[in-house]
Amino acid sequence: MAVKHGEFKGFKTISLMRTEDDKYPFTFGVAKAQLIINNMNEIKKFVEKNAGKSE
């Protein structure tokens, strides 16, 4: 996994990538990062319940 920090319209962003060459990184800013942190337990439950199922 690779991580890059950047900026979009003056706002700090972070991009999570499966590989350094990932064409479609998961990029978000501080507000969405805070939402993810605040809901980490629900996200973990979601992954546990649905991992391996068709996307």
Protein backbone atom coordinates (compact mmCIF):
# COMPACT_ATOMS: atom_id res chain seq x y z
CA MET A 1 0.00 0.00 0.00
CA ALA A 2 1.17 3.51 -0.74
CA VAL A 3 0.14 6.84 0.73
CA LYS A 4 0.56 10.31 -0.73
CA HIS A 5 -0.26 13.68 0.75
CA GLY A 6 -1.45 16.47 -1.50
CA GLU A 7 -3.70 19.46 -1.86
CA PHE A 8 -6.93 20.23 -3.70
CA LYS A 9 -8.17 23.81 -4.02
CA GLY A 10 -6.06 24.79 -1.03
CA PHE A 11 -7.23 21.91 1.20
CA LYS A 12 -4.91 19.16 2.41
CA THR A 13 -5.65 15.66 1.09
CA ILE A 14 -4.41 12.13 1.56
CA SER A 15 -4.47 9.45 -1.14
CA LEU A 16 -4.47 5.75 -0.33
CA MET A 17 -3.27 3.48 -3.13
CA ARG A 18 -3.00 -0.28 -3.54
CA THR A 19 0.33 0.22 -5.35
CA GLU A 20 2.55 3.17 -6.27
CA ASP A 21 1.08 3.01 -9.80
CA ASP A 22 -2.61 2.85 -8.74
CA LYS A 23 -4.62 4.75 -11.36
CA TYR A 24 -7.60 5.19 -9.04
CA PRO A 25 -6.42 6.22 -5.56
CA PHE A 26 -8.85 6.79 -2.70
CA THR A 27 -8.39 10.50 -2.00
CA PHE A 28 -10.06 12.52 0.73
CA GLY A 29 -9.57 15.52 2.96
CA VAL A 30 -9.60 16.22 6.67
CA ALA A 31 -13.40 16.33 7.08
CA LYS A 32 -13.89 12.89 5.51
CA ALA A 33 -10.86 11.55 7.40
CA GLN A 34 -12.53 12.64 10.64
CA LEU A 35 -15.75 10.87 9.59
CA ILE A 36 -13.79 7.69 8.93
CA ILE A 37 -12.07 7.89 12.33
CA ASN A 38 -15.36 8.57 14.13
CA ASN A 39 -16.97 5.55 12.44
CA MET A 40 -14.06 3.10 12.46
CA ASN A 41 -15.98 0.43 14.41
CA GLU A 42 -18.88 0.49 11.95
CA ILE A 43 -16.46 0.33 9.01
CA LYS A 44 -14.73 -2.69 10.58
CA LYS A 45 -18.08 -4.44 11.11
CA PHE A 46 -19.02 -3.72 7.49
CA VAL A 47 -15.77 -5.22 6.19
CA GLU A 48 -16.05 -8.28 8.43
CA LYS A 49 -19.61 -8.90 7.30
CA ASN A 50 -19.00 -8.32 3.60
CA ALA A 51 -15.38 -9.28 2.92
CA GLY A 52 -15.15 -11.76 0.08
CA LYS A 53 -18.61 -10.99 -1.28
CA SER A 54 -19.08 -9.64 -4.78
CA GLU A 55 -18.44 -5.91 -5.03
